[in-house]
N, C-alpha and C. Protein backbone atom coordinates (compact mmCIF):
# COMPACT_ATOMS: atom_id res chain seq x y z
N UNK A 1 -61.74 -10.05 -5.97
CA UNK A 1 -62.73 -10.22 -4.97
C UNK A 1 -62.70 -8.97 -4.06
N UNK A 2 -63.87 -8.40 -3.80
CA UNK A 2 -63.97 -7.23 -2.95
C UNK A 2 -64.20 -7.62 -1.49
N UNK A 3 -63.74 -6.77 -0.59
CA UNK A 3 -64.01 -6.98 0.82
C UNK A 3 -64.35 -5.63 1.46
N UNK A 4 -65.11 -5.68 2.54
CA UNK A 4 -65.53 -4.48 3.27
C UNK A 4 -65.53 -4.76 4.76
N UNK A 5 -65.49 -3.69 5.52
CA UNK A 5 -65.65 -3.74 6.97
C UNK A 5 -64.74 -4.75 7.66
N UNK A 6 -63.48 -4.75 7.25
CA UNK A 6 -62.48 -5.56 7.94
C UNK A 6 -61.87 -4.70 9.05
N UNK A 7 -61.69 -5.29 10.22
CA UNK A 7 -61.17 -4.57 11.37
C UNK A 7 -59.96 -5.30 11.94
N UNK A 8 -58.75 -5.01 11.40
CA UNK A 8 -57.55 -5.66 11.95
C UNK A 8 -57.42 -5.35 13.44
N UNK A 9 -57.23 -6.39 14.24
CA UNK A 9 -57.17 -6.24 15.69
C UNK A 9 -56.07 -5.31 16.16
N UNK A 10 -54.94 -5.30 15.47
CA UNK A 10 -53.81 -4.48 15.88
C UNK A 10 -54.02 -3.00 15.64
N UNK A 11 -54.95 -2.65 14.76
CA UNK A 11 -55.21 -1.24 14.47
C UNK A 11 -56.49 -0.85 15.20
N UNK A 12 -56.33 -0.46 16.44
CA UNK A 12 -57.48 -0.20 17.30
C UNK A 12 -58.17 1.12 16.99
N UNK A 13 -57.51 2.00 16.25
CA UNK A 13 -58.08 3.31 15.97
C UNK A 13 -58.69 3.42 14.57
N UNK A 14 -59.05 2.29 13.98
CA UNK A 14 -59.68 2.31 12.66
C UNK A 14 -61.14 2.75 12.81
N UNK A 15 -61.64 3.50 11.84
CA UNK A 15 -63.00 4.04 11.90
C UNK A 15 -64.08 2.98 11.80
N UNK A 16 -65.32 3.42 11.98
CA UNK A 16 -66.49 2.53 12.00
C UNK A 16 -66.70 1.76 10.70
N UNK A 17 -66.24 2.30 9.58
CA UNK A 17 -66.43 1.63 8.29
C UNK A 17 -65.41 0.52 8.04
N UNK A 18 -64.37 0.47 8.89
CA UNK A 18 -63.35 -0.56 8.73
C UNK A 18 -62.52 -0.36 7.47
N UNK A 19 -61.89 -1.41 7.05
CA UNK A 19 -61.03 -1.41 5.88
C UNK A 19 -61.77 -2.07 4.73
N UNK A 20 -61.67 -1.46 3.56
CA UNK A 20 -62.30 -2.06 2.38
C UNK A 20 -61.32 -2.03 1.22
N UNK A 21 -61.57 -2.86 0.23
CA UNK A 21 -60.71 -2.90 -0.94
C UNK A 21 -60.97 -4.13 -1.77
N UNK A 22 -59.98 -4.48 -2.57
CA UNK A 22 -60.07 -5.65 -3.44
C UNK A 22 -58.84 -6.53 -3.21
N UNK A 23 -59.00 -7.81 -3.45
CA UNK A 23 -57.89 -8.75 -3.27
C UNK A 23 -57.83 -9.72 -4.44
N UNK A 24 -56.61 -10.01 -4.87
CA UNK A 24 -56.36 -10.98 -5.94
C UNK A 24 -55.35 -12.01 -5.45
N UNK A 25 -55.57 -13.25 -5.79
CA UNK A 25 -54.63 -14.33 -5.47
C UNK A 25 -54.08 -14.88 -6.77
N UNK A 26 -52.76 -15.11 -6.80
CA UNK A 26 -52.15 -15.68 -8.00
C UNK A 26 -51.11 -16.72 -7.57
N UNK A 27 -51.26 -17.93 -8.06
CA UNK A 27 -50.31 -18.99 -7.76
C UNK A 27 -49.03 -18.74 -8.55
N UNK A 28 -47.90 -18.73 -7.85
CA UNK A 28 -46.61 -18.56 -8.53
C UNK A 28 -45.97 -19.90 -8.85
N UNK A 29 -46.14 -20.85 -7.93
CA UNK A 29 -45.69 -22.22 -8.11
C UNK A 29 -46.34 -23.05 -7.01
N UNK A 30 -45.94 -24.30 -6.86
CA UNK A 30 -46.61 -25.16 -5.87
C UNK A 30 -46.36 -24.73 -4.43
N UNK A 31 -45.33 -23.90 -4.20
CA UNK A 31 -45.00 -23.49 -2.83
C UNK A 31 -45.20 -22.01 -2.56
N UNK A 32 -45.73 -21.26 -3.53
CA UNK A 32 -45.77 -19.81 -3.40
C UNK A 32 -47.01 -19.20 -4.02
N UNK A 33 -47.53 -18.18 -3.34
CA UNK A 33 -48.75 -17.50 -3.75
C UNK A 33 -48.52 -15.99 -3.67
N UNK A 34 -48.90 -15.27 -4.70
CA UNK A 34 -48.82 -13.81 -4.69
C UNK A 34 -50.20 -13.26 -4.36
N UNK A 35 -50.26 -12.36 -3.37
CA UNK A 35 -51.52 -11.74 -2.97
C UNK A 35 -51.40 -10.25 -3.24
N UNK A 36 -52.32 -9.72 -4.03
CA UNK A 36 -52.36 -8.29 -4.35
C UNK A 36 -53.58 -7.65 -3.69
N UNK A 37 -53.32 -6.59 -2.92
CA UNK A 37 -54.40 -5.77 -2.37
C UNK A 37 -54.50 -4.54 -3.24
N UNK A 38 -55.72 -4.15 -3.60
CA UNK A 38 -55.93 -2.99 -4.45
C UNK A 38 -57.01 -2.10 -3.85
N UNK A 39 -56.87 -0.80 -4.09
CA UNK A 39 -57.87 0.19 -3.69
C UNK A 39 -58.27 0.07 -2.23
N UNK A 40 -57.28 -0.10 -1.36
CA UNK A 40 -57.55 -0.16 0.07
C UNK A 40 -57.93 1.22 0.56
N UNK A 41 -58.93 1.27 1.44
CA UNK A 41 -59.28 2.56 2.03
C UNK A 41 -59.86 2.34 3.43
N UNK A 42 -59.58 3.30 4.29
CA UNK A 42 -60.12 3.30 5.64
C UNK A 42 -59.93 4.69 6.24
N UNK A 43 -60.58 4.91 7.35
CA UNK A 43 -60.41 6.13 8.12
C UNK A 43 -59.76 5.75 9.44
N UNK A 44 -58.71 6.47 9.80
CA UNK A 44 -58.00 6.22 11.05
C UNK A 44 -58.23 7.41 11.99
N UNK A 45 -58.63 7.11 13.21
CA UNK A 45 -58.77 8.16 14.23
C UNK A 45 -57.38 8.45 14.79
N UNK A 46 -56.94 9.68 14.65
CA UNK A 46 -55.59 10.06 15.06
C UNK A 46 -55.63 11.19 16.08
N UNK A 47 -54.50 11.43 16.72
CA UNK A 47 -54.31 12.58 17.59
C UNK A 47 -53.21 13.42 16.97
N UNK A 48 -53.50 14.68 16.76
CA UNK A 48 -52.56 15.60 16.14
C UNK A 48 -51.32 15.74 17.03
N UNK A 49 -50.15 15.61 16.42
CA UNK A 49 -48.89 15.73 17.16
C UNK A 49 -48.61 17.16 17.60
N UNK A 50 -49.27 18.12 16.99
CA UNK A 50 -49.01 19.53 17.29
C UNK A 50 -49.97 20.10 18.33
N UNK A 51 -51.29 19.83 18.16
CA UNK A 51 -52.28 20.44 19.06
C UNK A 51 -53.00 19.43 19.95
N UNK A 52 -52.74 18.16 19.74
CA UNK A 52 -53.33 17.05 20.52
C UNK A 52 -54.83 16.87 20.33
N UNK A 53 -55.39 17.45 19.29
CA UNK A 53 -56.81 17.27 18.99
C UNK A 53 -57.00 15.97 18.19
N UNK A 54 -58.16 15.34 18.39
CA UNK A 54 -58.51 14.17 17.60
C UNK A 54 -58.92 14.60 16.20
N UNK A 55 -58.55 13.81 15.22
CA UNK A 55 -58.99 14.06 13.85
C UNK A 55 -59.06 12.75 13.09
N UNK A 56 -59.72 12.75 11.96
CA UNK A 56 -59.87 11.56 11.13
C UNK A 56 -58.94 11.69 9.91
N UNK A 57 -58.10 10.68 9.72
CA UNK A 57 -57.17 10.67 8.58
C UNK A 57 -57.60 9.59 7.60
N UNK A 58 -57.84 9.99 6.37
CA UNK A 58 -58.24 9.04 5.34
C UNK A 58 -56.98 8.38 4.77
N UNK A 59 -57.03 7.06 4.70
CA UNK A 59 -55.92 6.29 4.14
C UNK A 59 -56.42 5.63 2.86
N UNK A 60 -55.70 5.88 1.77
CA UNK A 60 -56.02 5.26 0.48
C UNK A 60 -54.75 4.68 -0.10
N UNK A 61 -54.79 3.41 -0.42
CA UNK A 61 -53.61 2.71 -0.93
C UNK A 61 -54.00 2.06 -2.26
N UNK A 62 -53.34 2.48 -3.32
CA UNK A 62 -53.66 1.94 -4.65
C UNK A 62 -53.36 0.45 -4.75
N UNK A 63 -52.20 0.04 -4.21
CA UNK A 63 -51.84 -1.36 -4.30
C UNK A 63 -50.77 -1.75 -3.31
N UNK A 64 -50.82 -3.00 -2.90
CA UNK A 64 -49.81 -3.56 -2.00
C UNK A 64 -49.78 -5.07 -2.27
N UNK A 65 -48.58 -5.62 -2.43
CA UNK A 65 -48.44 -7.04 -2.74
C UNK A 65 -47.52 -7.74 -1.75
N UNK A 66 -47.82 -8.99 -1.49
CA UNK A 66 -46.96 -9.83 -0.65
C UNK A 66 -47.01 -11.25 -1.16
N UNK A 67 -45.98 -12.00 -0.79
CA UNK A 67 -45.94 -13.42 -1.14
C UNK A 67 -46.22 -14.25 0.09
N UNK A 68 -46.89 -15.35 -0.13
CA UNK A 68 -47.13 -16.35 0.90
C UNK A 68 -46.46 -17.63 0.41
N UNK A 69 -45.74 -18.29 1.31
CA UNK A 69 -45.03 -19.52 0.95
C UNK A 69 -45.51 -20.66 1.83
N UNK A 70 -45.17 -21.88 1.42
CA UNK A 70 -45.71 -23.09 2.05
C UNK A 70 -45.23 -23.34 3.47
N UNK A 71 -44.00 -22.89 3.82
CA UNK A 71 -43.51 -23.18 5.17
C UNK A 71 -42.42 -22.19 5.61
N UNK A 72 -42.06 -22.27 6.88
CA UNK A 72 -41.06 -21.36 7.47
C UNK A 72 -39.69 -21.52 6.82
N UNK A 73 -39.32 -22.74 6.45
CA UNK A 73 -38.02 -22.97 5.83
C UNK A 73 -37.90 -22.17 4.53
N UNK A 74 -38.92 -22.25 3.69
CA UNK A 74 -38.91 -21.50 2.43
C UNK A 74 -38.89 -20.00 2.72
N UNK A 75 -39.68 -19.57 3.69
CA UNK A 75 -39.72 -18.15 4.07
C UNK A 75 -38.33 -17.67 4.46
N UNK A 76 -37.66 -18.40 5.34
CA UNK A 76 -36.33 -18.00 5.80
C UNK A 76 -35.31 -17.95 4.67
N UNK A 77 -35.36 -18.94 3.77
CA UNK A 77 -34.44 -18.97 2.63
C UNK A 77 -34.69 -17.78 1.70
N UNK A 78 -35.95 -17.49 1.44
CA UNK A 78 -36.28 -16.43 0.49
C UNK A 78 -36.06 -15.03 1.07
N UNK A 79 -36.28 -14.88 2.37
CA UNK A 79 -36.09 -13.56 2.99
C UNK A 79 -34.62 -13.15 3.00
N UNK A 80 -33.71 -14.12 2.96
CA UNK A 80 -32.28 -13.81 2.92
C UNK A 80 -31.90 -13.08 1.64
N UNK A 81 -32.58 -13.39 0.54
CA UNK A 81 -32.24 -12.80 -0.75
C UNK A 81 -33.28 -11.78 -1.23
N UNK A 82 -34.22 -11.43 -0.38
CA UNK A 82 -35.30 -10.52 -0.78
C UNK A 82 -35.56 -9.49 0.30
N UNK A 83 -35.95 -8.31 -0.10
CA UNK A 83 -36.29 -7.27 0.86
C UNK A 83 -37.78 -7.26 1.19
N UNK A 84 -38.56 -8.02 0.47
CA UNK A 84 -40.00 -8.01 0.69
C UNK A 84 -40.41 -8.85 1.89
N UNK A 85 -41.54 -8.51 2.47
CA UNK A 85 -42.11 -9.28 3.57
C UNK A 85 -42.74 -10.53 2.98
N UNK A 86 -42.42 -11.67 3.57
CA UNK A 86 -42.97 -12.94 3.11
C UNK A 86 -43.74 -13.57 4.26
N UNK A 87 -44.94 -14.04 3.98
CA UNK A 87 -45.79 -14.65 4.99
C UNK A 87 -45.92 -16.15 4.71
N UNK A 88 -46.37 -16.89 5.71
CA UNK A 88 -46.47 -18.35 5.57
C UNK A 88 -47.94 -18.78 5.48
N UNK A 89 -48.21 -19.69 4.57
CA UNK A 89 -49.54 -20.29 4.43
C UNK A 89 -49.76 -21.24 5.59
N UNK A 90 -50.94 -21.18 6.20
CA UNK A 90 -51.28 -22.10 7.29
C UNK A 90 -51.42 -23.51 6.70
N UNK A 91 -50.50 -24.39 7.05
CA UNK A 91 -50.48 -25.74 6.46
C UNK A 91 -51.64 -26.62 6.92
N UNK A 92 -52.13 -26.40 8.13
CA UNK A 92 -53.22 -27.24 8.65
C UNK A 92 -54.48 -27.14 7.79
N UNK A 93 -54.91 -25.91 7.54
CA UNK A 93 -56.15 -25.74 6.78
C UNK A 93 -55.94 -25.05 5.44
N UNK A 94 -54.68 -24.88 5.04
CA UNK A 94 -54.32 -24.29 3.75
C UNK A 94 -54.97 -22.92 3.54
N UNK A 95 -54.85 -22.05 4.55
CA UNK A 95 -55.38 -20.69 4.45
C UNK A 95 -54.25 -19.68 4.59
N UNK A 96 -54.56 -18.46 4.19
CA UNK A 96 -53.62 -17.36 4.40
C UNK A 96 -54.28 -16.34 5.33
N UNK A 97 -53.53 -15.87 6.30
CA UNK A 97 -54.01 -14.85 7.22
C UNK A 97 -53.63 -13.50 6.63
N UNK A 98 -54.62 -12.75 6.16
CA UNK A 98 -54.37 -11.48 5.50
C UNK A 98 -54.17 -10.32 6.46
N UNK A 99 -54.52 -10.50 7.72
CA UNK A 99 -54.43 -9.39 8.67
C UNK A 99 -53.03 -8.78 8.76
N UNK A 100 -51.95 -9.57 8.86
CA UNK A 100 -50.62 -8.94 8.90
C UNK A 100 -50.32 -8.12 7.64
N UNK A 101 -50.84 -8.56 6.52
CA UNK A 101 -50.65 -7.83 5.28
C UNK A 101 -51.40 -6.50 5.30
N UNK A 102 -52.65 -6.52 5.79
CA UNK A 102 -53.43 -5.28 5.95
C UNK A 102 -52.68 -4.30 6.85
N UNK A 103 -52.20 -4.79 7.97
CA UNK A 103 -51.50 -3.95 8.94
C UNK A 103 -50.26 -3.33 8.32
N UNK A 104 -49.47 -4.14 7.63
CA UNK A 104 -48.25 -3.66 6.98
C UNK A 104 -48.57 -2.56 5.97
N UNK A 105 -49.57 -2.79 5.14
CA UNK A 105 -49.94 -1.80 4.11
C UNK A 105 -50.35 -0.47 4.75
N UNK A 106 -51.15 -0.52 5.81
CA UNK A 106 -51.61 0.70 6.47
C UNK A 106 -50.47 1.40 7.19
N UNK A 107 -49.65 0.65 7.89
CA UNK A 107 -48.54 1.25 8.65
C UNK A 107 -47.54 1.94 7.73
N UNK A 108 -47.35 1.41 6.53
CA UNK A 108 -46.42 2.04 5.60
C UNK A 108 -46.92 3.40 5.12
N UNK A 109 -48.21 3.66 5.28
CA UNK A 109 -48.80 4.93 4.86
C UNK A 109 -48.88 5.95 6.00
N UNK A 110 -48.43 5.57 7.20
CA UNK A 110 -48.50 6.51 8.32
C UNK A 110 -47.54 7.66 8.10
N UNK A 111 -48.02 8.88 8.31
CA UNK A 111 -47.12 10.02 8.18
C UNK A 111 -46.13 10.06 9.35
N UNK A 112 -44.97 10.63 9.11
CA UNK A 112 -43.98 10.76 10.16
C UNK A 112 -44.51 11.64 11.29
N UNK A 113 -45.15 12.75 10.89
CA UNK A 113 -45.79 13.66 11.85
C UNK A 113 -47.26 13.71 11.51
N UNK A 114 -48.10 13.43 12.50
CA UNK A 114 -49.54 13.41 12.28
C UNK A 114 -50.11 14.78 12.63
N UNK A 115 -50.67 15.44 11.61
CA UNK A 115 -51.22 16.78 11.80
C UNK A 115 -52.67 16.83 11.36
N UNK A 116 -53.50 17.48 12.17
CA UNK A 116 -54.89 17.71 11.78
C UNK A 116 -54.89 18.73 10.63
N UNK A 117 -56.04 18.93 10.03
CA UNK A 117 -56.13 19.82 8.88
C UNK A 117 -55.69 21.24 9.24
N UNK A 118 -56.15 21.74 10.38
CA UNK A 118 -55.81 23.11 10.81
C UNK A 118 -54.31 23.27 11.00
N UNK A 119 -53.69 22.36 11.72
CA UNK A 119 -52.25 22.44 11.97
C UNK A 119 -51.45 22.24 10.68
N UNK A 120 -51.92 21.36 9.83
CA UNK A 120 -51.26 21.13 8.56
C UNK A 120 -51.23 22.41 7.72
N UNK A 121 -52.35 23.12 7.70
CA UNK A 121 -52.43 24.39 6.96
C UNK A 121 -51.51 25.44 7.58
N UNK A 122 -51.48 25.50 8.92
CA UNK A 122 -50.61 26.47 9.60
C UNK A 122 -49.13 26.19 9.33
N UNK A 123 -48.75 24.92 9.37
CA UNK A 123 -47.36 24.56 9.10
C UNK A 123 -47.00 24.88 7.66
N UNK A 124 -47.94 24.65 6.75
CA UNK A 124 -47.69 24.96 5.33
C UNK A 124 -47.48 26.47 5.14
N UNK A 125 -48.30 27.28 5.81
CA UNK A 125 -48.14 28.74 5.71
C UNK A 125 -46.80 29.18 6.28
N UNK A 126 -46.36 28.59 7.38
CA UNK A 126 -45.08 28.93 7.99
C UNK A 126 -43.92 28.56 7.07
N UNK A 127 -44.05 27.48 6.36
CA UNK A 127 -42.97 27.06 5.46
C UNK A 127 -42.85 27.95 4.23
N UNK A 128 -43.92 28.68 3.91
CA UNK A 128 -43.90 29.58 2.76
C UNK A 128 -43.17 30.88 3.07
N UNK A 129 -42.98 31.19 4.34
CA UNK A 129 -42.32 32.45 4.74
C UNK A 129 -40.85 32.44 4.47
């Protein structure tokens, strides 16, 4: 299933086009669901760490997966033996909140140092010396 123009509230600097991509749901068992995000893309408005100019950084993520489980007890038990992030299915209306997953996927792609194109090229030239 494709989605477009999603605007996670926690990412206030996302561009006008929002986040787009594809999503797949797969039942693992009666208490667990695997959610795969594919071909995520968005534009993030950033400030260069070197020159303080605003620039647009394109984020493209081929894939990101997370598990959703039926309750907090299962989540706590499974997180003890797993390094992956596990989310909980909303028991009241049997829905999954994908926003934390979107945020996690985007944040994992953040560069340690944010450089605009000009500064990135200058730093690259300096490293060649």
